[in-house]
Amino acid sequence: MPDTMTTDVTDVVELTRALVRCESVTPREAGALQLLEKVLGDLGLACERMDFSQAGTDDVANLYARIGTSGRHFCFAGHSDVVPVGDLSSWTIGPFSAELSAGYLFGRGAADMKGAIAAFTDALARFLARRGRDFGGSISLMITGDEEGPAVNGTVKMLQRLAGRGETIDACVVGEPTSSRRFGDMMKIGRRGSMTVDMVVRGVQGHVAYPDRLDNAIHRLSAMIEALVREPIDKGSTHFQPTSLQFTTVDVGNKATNIAPGVAKARFNVRFNDLWTSKTLLAHLEGRLDRANAALGGVGTIELSTEVSGESFYTPPGPLSDLVAGAIRDVAGVEAELSTTGGTSDARFIRSYCPVLEFGLVGETMHKVDEKSAVADLAMLARVYETVLDRFFAA
């Protein structure tokens, strides 16, 4: 764990560097939450470790820190865990060395999203230095170590614990790296749903020289794929892109050259908009498959199994998006686009408890080799968050 005594909490860059040096690849905590607990505790926040376990999953460490016990409650949410570095030899700078070069801070998590956590902390430190602890409300940080993993023992269970003891949140900003090409150009007011489907197509195995005695599962599967991708699922909606269905694997496992397989498997993922729920979408896809299968005749069957990691959602434009967009405009001079693009995030859990949106650093290098964030962007992000706090708790 880095030496917290040398970490300047008023310097967002140095705190980001200290966090990046913690090798907190999911589900390892690696000192990141210990560091935050020390820094936030010194600022006067009550810190509580919320560590959860569940059979079949890794134990996960999480941190909840709050100052204030009444009034309006503003929450910053994020994750201290990071994805693996991949091929270490491909990195030009050590992924956990947190080096500064050419105006950038390099390292795994610099963009996604230890930089935002440092900006939360820096903004809060500056806010409290000016306003004191009696600012008329409550501010919390909800930091999970499980966002890049299965998201089972993190934010969802933290929210359940808070609700169980009567704590409510009035507004939340998640620090995901939402900026696209330049700092401040995009925030996320929602996300598409995500459903993964495993499909097993069964026919009749047989000798390739006797086609009348077989029902080739590959041929049948190819017709199923065509039925799913030939026509768009929809044209999109007011706040969302068209639904996207992408096949990710096709497997047969047949090493013989003279056998037509009786079983073929495939997997696809669907990122769906607010025109669907996972149930209505699955019913629509099943209808397409049933019609295509019936058109082929024969005895072939289809089996589907699904995993839904999140439903589509969005927070309608309003007070929260206006607040954050105004802060971005005044600090960075940029008009932020209100978007629902990209993958899923823990905002999908938070949205059931309070208005939520996501705003953070430029995400162009997240999950990539040589992940980085501009030093100037880190400073601006802290200023945006500080401005949001000022205006949320305006006298």
Protein backbone atom coordinates (compact mmCIF):
# COMPACT_ATOMS: atom_id res chain seq x y z
CA MET A 1 0.00 0.00 0.00
CA PRO A 2 1.36 3.49 -0.83
CA ASP A 3 2.43 5.78 1.98
CA THR A 4 -0.76 7.74 2.67
CA MET A 5 1.11 10.26 4.80
CA THR A 6 2.85 11.61 1.68
CA THR A 7 -0.36 11.86 -0.34
CA ASP A 8 -1.53 15.46 -0.74
CA VAL A 9 -5.33 15.26 -0.69
CA THR A 10 -5.55 18.72 -2.23
CA ASP A 11 -3.63 17.48 -5.27
CA VAL A 12 -5.86 15.36 -7.52
CA VAL A 13 -2.89 14.23 -9.59
CA GLU A 14 -0.90 12.88 -6.65
CA LEU A 15 -3.92 11.08 -5.22
CA THR A 16 -4.63 9.52 -8.61
CA ARG A 17 -1.02 8.35 -8.80
CA ALA A 18 -1.24 6.81 -5.34
CA LEU A 19 -4.42 4.95 -6.29
CA VAL A 20 -3.01 3.75 -9.61
CA ARG A 21 -0.04 2.26 -7.76
CA CYS A 22 -2.47 -0.03 -5.94
CA GLU A 23 -2.73 -3.12 -8.16
CA SER A 24 -6.43 -3.56 -7.53
CA VAL A 25 -7.36 -5.86 -10.40
CA THR A 26 -10.82 -7.28 -9.68
CA PRO A 27 -11.44 -8.60 -7.03
CA ARG A 28 -8.23 -7.51 -5.25
CA GLU A 29 -8.43 -4.46 -3.00
CA ALA A 30 -4.62 -4.04 -3.00
CA GLY A 31 -4.65 -1.09 -0.61
CA ALA A 32 -6.79 1.26 -2.70
CA LEU A 33 -9.68 1.35 -0.23
CA GLN A 34 -7.31 1.52 2.72
CA LEU A 35 -5.75 4.60 1.17
CA LEU A 36 -9.14 6.22 0.56
CA GLU A 37 -10.34 5.37 4.05
CA LYS A 38 -7.33 7.17 5.54
CA VAL A 39 -7.66 10.23 3.30
CA LEU A 40 -11.44 10.55 3.67
CA GLY A 41 -11.29 9.90 7.39
CA ASP A 42 -8.82 12.77 7.76
CA LEU A 43 -11.36 14.99 5.98
CA GLY A 44 -13.94 14.15 8.63
CA LEU A 45 -15.99 11.52 6.80
CA ALA A 46 -17.32 8.52 8.69
CA CYS A 47 -15.87 5.54 6.81
CA GLU A 48 -17.45 2.12 6.75
CA ARG A 49 -16.13 -0.96 5.04
CA MET A 50 -18.92 -2.93 3.39
CA ASP A 51 -17.39 -6.25 2.42
CA PHE A 52 -19.65 -8.89 0.92
CA SER A 53 -19.50 -12.57 0.08
CA GLN A 54 -21.70 -14.91 -1.91
CA ALA A 55 -21.31 -18.56 -2.79
CA GLY A 56 -19.69 -19.04 -6.15
CA THR A 57 -18.21 -15.52 -6.28
CA ASP A 58 -15.11 -13.80 -4.97
CA ASP A 59 -15.24 -11.87 -1.71
CA VAL A 60 -15.28 -8.14 -2.45
CA ALA A 61 -14.19 -5.15 -0.37
CA ASN A 62 -16.18 -1.91 -0.68
CA LEU A 63 -16.08 1.47 1.07
CA TYR A 64 -18.87 3.83 2.07
CA ALA A 65 -17.86 7.23 3.44
CA ARG A 66 -20.24 10.00 4.49
CA ILE A 67 -20.17 13.41 6.09
CA GLY A 68 -23.41 14.85 7.44
CA THR A 69 -26.40 13.02 8.85
CA SER A 70 -29.33 15.10 7.62
CA GLY A 71 -30.50 17.38 4.83
CA ARG A 72 -30.14 16.69 1.14
CA HIS A 73 -27.77 13.85 0.37
CA PHE A 74 -25.44 13.95 -2.64
CA CYS A 75 -23.48 10.81 -3.53
CA PHE A 76 -20.41 10.25 -5.67
CA ALA A 77 -20.19 6.62 -6.81
CA GLY A 78 -17.38 4.72 -8.46
CA HIS A 79 -15.13 1.69 -8.45
CA SER A 80 -11.57 1.15 -7.31
CA ASP A 81 -11.11 -2.13 -9.17
CA VAL A 82 -9.51 -2.22 -12.60
CA VAL A 83 -9.31 -4.68 -15.48
CA PRO A 84 -6.20 -6.83 -16.03
CA VAL A 85 -3.25 -5.25 -17.85
CA GLY A 86 -3.07 -7.93 -20.54
CA ASP A 87 0.30 -8.35 -22.27
CA LEU A 88 2.68 -6.53 -19.96
CA SER A 89 5.35 -6.28 -22.67
CA SER A 90 2.98 -4.13 -24.76
CA TRP A 91 3.00 -1.32 -22.21
CA THR A 92 5.53 1.42 -22.86
CA ILE A 93 5.16 2.61 -19.24
CA GLY A 94 4.57 0.30 -16.29
CA PRO A 95 0.80 -0.10 -15.79
CA PHE A 96 1.05 0.51 -12.04
CA SER A 97 3.96 2.96 -11.98
CA ALA A 98 1.68 6.01 -12.40
CA GLU A 99 4.30 7.93 -14.34
CA LEU A 100 3.79 11.42 -15.72
CA SER A 101 4.82 12.07 -19.31
CA ALA A 102 4.00 14.76 -21.87
CA GLY A 103 1.13 16.12 -19.79
CA TYR A 104 -0.48 12.73 -19.14
CA LEU A 105 -0.72 10.40 -16.17
CA PHE A 106 -0.25 6.81 -17.35
CA GLY A 107 -1.44 3.63 -15.69
CA ARG A 108 -4.25 1.12 -15.34
CA GLY A 109 -7.20 2.96 -13.82
CA ALA A 110 -5.99 6.46 -14.69
CA ALA A 111 -9.13 6.91 -16.80
CA ASP A 112 -11.37 4.09 -15.54
CA MET A 113 -11.79 5.31 -12.91
CA LYS A 114 -9.27 6.08 -10.20
CA GLY A 115 -8.83 9.56 -11.62
CA ALA A 116 -12.50 10.30 -10.97
CA ILE A 117 -12.29 8.93 -7.42
CA ALA A 118 -9.36 11.24 -6.77
CA ALA A 119 -11.38 14.10 -8.27
CA PHE A 120 -14.32 13.26 -5.95
CA THR A 121 -11.97 13.49 -3.00
CA ASP A 122 -10.19 16.63 -4.14
CA ALA A 123 -13.50 18.39 -4.83
CA LEU A 124 -14.85 17.40 -1.43
CA ALA A 125 -11.68 18.54 0.34
CA ARG A 126 -11.86 21.97 -1.28
CA PHE A 127 -15.61 22.24 -0.66
CA LEU A 128 -15.23 21.44 3.04
CA ALA A 129 -12.26 23.80 3.39
CA ARG A 130 -14.47 26.67 2.22
CA ARG A 131 -17.87 25.70 3.62
CA GLY A 132 -16.96 23.73 6.72
CA ARG A 133 -18.75 20.62 7.94
CA ASP A 134 -22.01 22.46 8.63
CA PHE A 135 -22.99 23.02 4.99
CA GLY A 136 -26.61 21.99 5.41
CA GLY A 137 -26.64 18.47 4.05
CA SER A 138 -24.76 15.21 3.52
CA ILE A 139 -22.16 14.04 1.01
CA SER A 140 -21.05 10.45 0.52
CA LEU A 141 -18.70 8.38 -1.57
CA MET A 142 -19.79 4.86 -2.48
CA ILE A 143 -16.78 2.99 -3.82
CA THR A 144 -17.00 -0.64 -4.90
CA GLY A 145 -14.32 -3.15 -5.78
CA ASP A 146 -16.62 -5.22 -7.99
CA GLU A 147 -17.66 -3.10 -10.98
CA GLU A 148 -15.26 -4.65 -13.48
CA GLY A 149 -16.22 -8.14 -12.28
CA PRO A 150 -19.61 -9.83 -11.87
CA ALA A 151 -21.02 -6.82 -9.95
CA VAL A 152 -22.61 -9.13 -7.37
CA ASN A 153 -20.87 -8.17 -4.13
CA GLY A 154 -20.54 -4.45 -4.69
CA THR A 155 -22.85 -1.53 -5.39
CA VAL A 156 -26.07 -3.52 -5.48
CA LYS A 157 -25.53 -4.86 -1.96
CA MET A 158 -24.25 -1.54 -0.65
CA LEU A 159 -27.45 0.13 -1.81
CA GLN A 160 -29.54 -2.58 -0.17
CA ARG A 161 -27.73 -2.09 3.13
CA LEU A 162 -28.20 1.67 3.03
CA ALA A 163 -31.89 1.33 2.23
CA GLY A 164 -32.31 -1.25 4.97
CA ARG A 165 -31.21 1.22 7.60
CA GLY A 166 -33.21 4.10 6.17
CA GLU A 167 -30.51 6.07 4.35
CA THR A 168 -31.71 7.78 1.19
CA ILE A 169 -29.81 9.50 -1.62
CA ASP A 170 -31.21 12.54 -3.39
CA ALA A 171 -28.82 12.62 -6.37
CA CYS A 172 -25.81 10.67 -7.56
CA VAL A 173 -22.99 11.18 -10.03
CA VAL A 174 -21.00 8.14 -11.14
CA GLY A 175 -17.46 8.96 -12.24
CA GLU A 176 -17.23 6.71 -15.29
CA PRO A 177 -15.03 8.06 -18.12
CA THR A 178 -17.88 9.37 -20.24
CA SER A 179 -16.07 12.12 -22.13
CA SER A 180 -15.55 10.97 -25.71
CA ARG A 181 -12.96 13.00 -27.61
CA ARG A 182 -12.37 15.96 -25.33
CA PHE A 183 -13.07 16.60 -21.70
CA GLY A 184 -16.70 17.49 -21.01
CA ASP A 185 -18.15 16.64 -24.41
CA MET A 186 -20.44 13.87 -23.11
CA MET A 187 -22.27 12.69 -20.02
CA LYS A 188 -24.41 9.59 -19.73
CA ILE A 189 -28.04 9.93 -18.62
CA GLY A 190 -28.75 6.25 -19.15
CA ARG A 191 -27.47 3.00 -20.59
CA ARG A 192 -28.73 0.30 -22.88
CA GLY A 193 -29.70 -3.05 -21.43
CA SER A 194 -27.46 -6.04 -21.98
CA MET A 195 -28.57 -9.63 -22.55
CA THR A 196 -26.34 -12.57 -23.48
CA VAL A 197 -27.98 -15.58 -25.08
CA ASP A 198 -26.52 -19.07 -25.49
CA MET A 199 -28.22 -20.94 -28.32
CA VAL A 200 -28.06 -24.69 -28.93
CA VAL A 201 -29.36 -25.95 -32.26
CA ARG A 202 -30.00 -29.69 -32.60
CA GLY A 203 -30.40 -31.64 -35.80
CA VAL A 204 -29.45 -35.19 -36.73
CA GLN A 205 -25.83 -36.28 -37.03
CA GLY A 206 -24.97 -38.36 -40.09
CA HIS A 207 -22.55 -39.33 -42.82
CA VAL A 208 -22.00 -36.46 -45.24
CA ALA A 209 -22.44 -38.85 -48.19
CA TYR A 210 -26.06 -39.53 -47.19
CA PRO A 211 -27.71 -36.11 -46.82
CA ASP A 212 -31.16 -37.66 -46.80
CA ARG A 213 -30.33 -39.36 -43.50
CA LEU A 214 -29.14 -36.29 -41.58
CA ASP A 215 -30.16 -32.81 -40.50
CA ASN A 216 -26.99 -30.71 -40.44
CA ALA A 217 -27.00 -28.55 -37.31
CA ILE A 218 -24.56 -26.06 -38.86
CA HIS A 219 -26.90 -25.44 -41.78
CA ARG A 220 -29.79 -25.01 -39.38
CA LEU A 221 -27.76 -22.67 -37.16
CA SER A 222 -26.76 -20.53 -40.13
CA ALA A 223 -30.45 -20.00 -40.89
CA MET A 224 -31.04 -19.00 -37.27
CA ILE A 225 -28.21 -16.47 -37.42
CA GLU A 226 -29.60 -15.03 -40.64
CA ALA A 227 -33.05 -14.73 -39.05
CA LEU A 228 -31.63 -12.69 -36.18
CA VAL A 229 -29.32 -10.34 -38.08
CA ARG A 230 -31.06 -9.91 -41.45
CA GLU A 231 -33.46 -7.19 -40.28
CA PRO A 232 -32.82 -4.48 -37.67
CA ILE A 233 -34.56 -5.09 -34.37
CA ASP A 234 -35.69 -1.46 -34.16
CA LYS A 235 -34.75 2.04 -35.31
CA GLY A 236 -33.88 3.45 -31.90
CA SER A 237 -35.82 5.82 -29.68
CA THR A 238 -35.67 9.41 -28.49
CA HIS A 239 -32.75 8.86 -26.13
CA PHE A 240 -31.25 5.62 -27.45
CA GLN A 241 -29.49 4.14 -30.45
CA PRO A 242 -31.03 1.20 -32.33
CA THR A 243 -30.77 -2.13 -30.55
CA SER A 244 -27.61 -4.02 -31.56
CA LEU A 245 -27.30 -7.83 -31.75
CA GLN A 246 -23.81 -9.25 -32.19
CA PHE A 247 -22.74 -12.89 -32.34
CA THR A 248 -19.61 -13.53 -30.28
CA THR A 249 -18.91 -17.22 -30.90
CA VAL A 250 -20.03 -20.23 -32.93
CA ASP A 251 -18.89 -23.71 -31.83
CA VAL A 252 -19.30 -27.20 -33.22
CA GLY A 253 -16.24 -29.12 -32.05
CA ASN A 254 -16.32 -31.46 -35.04
CA LYS A 255 -12.88 -32.70 -36.12
CA ALA A 256 -14.15 -35.25 -38.63
CA THR A 257 -14.42 -34.46 -42.33
CA ASN A 258 -17.13 -37.00 -43.13
CA ILE A 259 -19.65 -36.32 -40.33
CA ALA A 260 -22.33 -33.64 -40.40
CA PRO A 261 -22.81 -32.51 -36.79
CA GLY A 262 -26.06 -32.96 -34.94
CA VAL A 263 -25.41 -30.12 -32.49
CA ALA A 264 -24.15 -26.57 -33.05
CA LYS A 265 -23.81 -23.83 -30.46
CA ALA A 266 -23.60 -20.07 -30.66
CA ARG A 267 -23.62 -17.08 -28.33
CA PHE A 268 -24.79 -13.56 -28.99
CA ASN A 269 -25.14 -10.37 -27.00
CA VAL A 270 -27.89 -7.79 -27.42
CA ARG A 271 -27.56 -4.18 -26.28
CA PHE A 272 -31.14 -3.00 -26.22
CA ASN A 273 -32.86 0.34 -25.83
CA ASP A 274 -35.90 1.46 -23.85
CA LEU A 275 -38.35 0.10 -26.44
CA TRP A 276 -37.80 -3.30 -24.84
CA THR A 277 -37.44 -5.11 -21.58
CA SER A 278 -35.29 -8.23 -21.55
CA LYS A 279 -38.47 -10.33 -21.44
CA THR A 280 -40.22 -8.64 -24.37
CA LEU A 281 -37.01 -8.66 -26.39
CA LEU A 282 -36.42 -12.36 -25.76
CA ALA A 283 -39.99 -13.13 -26.84
CA HIS A 284 -39.42 -11.17 -30.06
CA LEU A 285 -36.18 -13.04 -30.82
CA GLU A 286 -37.78 -16.40 -30.03
CA GLY A 287 -40.51 -15.58 -32.54
CA ARG A 288 -37.95 -14.93 -35.26
CA LEU A 289 -36.13 -18.16 -34.49
CA ASP A 290 -39.29 -20.28 -34.35
CA ARG A 291 -40.43 -19.01 -37.74
CA ALA A 292 -37.02 -19.66 -39.30
CA ASN A 293 -36.80 -23.12 -37.78
CA ALA A 294 -40.29 -24.07 -38.95
CA ALA A 295 -39.45 -22.93 -42.49
CA LEU A 296 -36.62 -25.46 -42.63
CA GLY A 297 -38.86 -28.40 -41.74
CA GLY A 298 -37.21 -31.51 -40.31
CA VAL A 299 -36.80 -32.35 -36.66
CA GLY A 300 -34.39 -29.61 -35.59
CA THR A 301 -34.86 -27.86 -32.26
CA ILE A 302 -33.54 -24.71 -30.60
CA GLU A 303 -32.68 -24.20 -26.93
CA LEU A 304 -31.93 -20.78 -25.45
CA SER A 305 -30.45 -19.77 -22.10
CA THR A 306 -30.08 -16.12 -21.16
CA GLU A 307 -28.18 -13.91 -18.76
CA VAL A 308 -29.30 -10.31 -18.29
CA SER A 309 -26.70 -8.00 -16.75
CA GLY A 310 -28.98 -4.97 -16.80
CA GLU A 311 -32.16 -3.48 -18.22
CA SER A 312 -32.11 -0.27 -20.22
CA PHE A 313 -32.69 2.90 -18.21
CA TYR A 314 -32.31 6.64 -18.34
CA THR A 315 -32.78 9.63 -16.08
CA PRO A 316 -34.91 12.14 -18.00
CA PRO A 317 -33.15 15.46 -18.59
CA GLY A 318 -33.90 17.73 -15.66
CA PRO A 319 -32.40 19.24 -12.50
CA LEU A 320 -29.47 16.83 -12.16
CA SER A 321 -28.36 16.90 -15.80
CA ASP A 322 -28.84 20.70 -15.86
CA LEU A 323 -26.69 21.02 -12.73
CA VAL A 324 -23.81 18.94 -14.09
CA ALA A 325 -24.04 20.37 -17.62
CA GLY A 326 -23.90 23.88 -16.18
CA ALA A 327 -20.82 23.05 -14.15
CA ILE A 328 -19.10 21.56 -17.21
CA ARG A 329 -20.00 24.60 -19.28
CA ASP A 330 -18.65 27.06 -16.72
CA VAL A 331 -15.47 25.14 -15.89
CA ALA A 332 -14.50 23.67 -19.26
CA GLY A 333 -16.40 25.84 -21.72
CA VAL A 334 -17.98 22.78 -23.33
CA GLU A 335 -21.59 21.81 -23.99
CA ALA A 336 -22.01 18.20 -22.88
CA GLU A 337 -24.03 15.84 -25.04
CA LEU A 338 -26.60 13.80 -23.10
CA SER A 339 -25.92 10.24 -24.21
CA THR A 340 -26.89 6.63 -23.50
CA THR A 341 -24.13 4.99 -25.56
CA GLY A 342 -21.51 2.56 -24.35
CA GLY A 343 -21.58 -0.46 -22.08
CA THR A 344 -23.18 -1.00 -18.72
CA SER A 345 -22.18 0.59 -15.41
CA ASP A 346 -23.25 0.46 -11.78
CA ALA A 347 -25.60 3.34 -12.52
CA ARG A 348 -28.03 0.59 -13.55
CA PHE A 349 -28.37 -0.30 -9.87
CA ILE A 350 -28.39 3.24 -8.49
CA ARG A 351 -31.17 4.41 -10.80
CA SER A 352 -33.72 2.47 -8.71
CA TYR A 353 -32.88 4.62 -5.68
CA CYS A 354 -32.35 8.17 -6.97
CA PRO A 355 -31.68 10.29 -10.05
CA VAL A 356 -28.26 9.34 -11.42
CA LEU A 357 -25.98 10.28 -14.27
CA GLU A 358 -22.40 9.54 -15.21
CA PHE A 359 -19.66 12.04 -15.93
CA GLY A 360 -15.91 11.68 -15.91
CA LEU A 361 -12.68 11.74 -17.85
CA VAL A 362 -11.99 10.98 -21.51
CA GLY A 363 -12.50 7.25 -21.95
CA GLU A 364 -10.59 6.74 -25.19
CA THR A 365 -7.86 4.62 -23.56
CA MET A 366 -9.87 2.78 -20.90
CA HIS A 367 -9.18 -0.98 -20.85
CA LYS A 368 -6.36 -0.40 -23.36
CA VAL A 369 -2.58 -0.69 -23.17
CA ASP A 370 -1.03 2.59 -21.97
CA GLU A 371 -4.25 3.83 -20.38
CA LYS A 372 -3.87 7.50 -19.55
CA SER A 373 -5.55 10.74 -18.53
CA ALA A 374 -4.47 14.29 -19.18
CA VAL A 375 -3.25 16.03 -16.06
CA ALA A 376 -5.22 19.13 -17.06
CA ASP A 377 -8.40 17.04 -17.35
CA LEU A 378 -7.96 15.65 -13.82
CA ALA A 379 -7.80 19.19 -12.47
CA MET A 380 -10.85 20.27 -14.47
CA LEU A 381 -12.85 17.23 -13.35
CA ALA A 382 -12.21 18.07 -9.70
CA ARG A 383 -13.35 21.64 -10.37
CA VAL A 384 -16.53 20.42 -12.09
CA TYR A 385 -17.36 18.16 -9.14
CA GLU A 386 -16.63 20.98 -6.69
CA THR A 387 -18.92 23.31 -8.65
CA VAL A 388 -21.65 20.67 -8.60
CA LEU A 389 -21.39 20.44 -4.81
CA ASP A 390 -21.45 24.22 -4.43
CA ARG A 391 -24.60 24.58 -6.48
CA PHE A 392 -26.34 21.52 -5.05
CA PHE A 393 -25.88 22.90 -1.55
CA ALA A 394 -26.35 26.56 -2.47
CA ALA A 395 -27.62 28.61 0.45
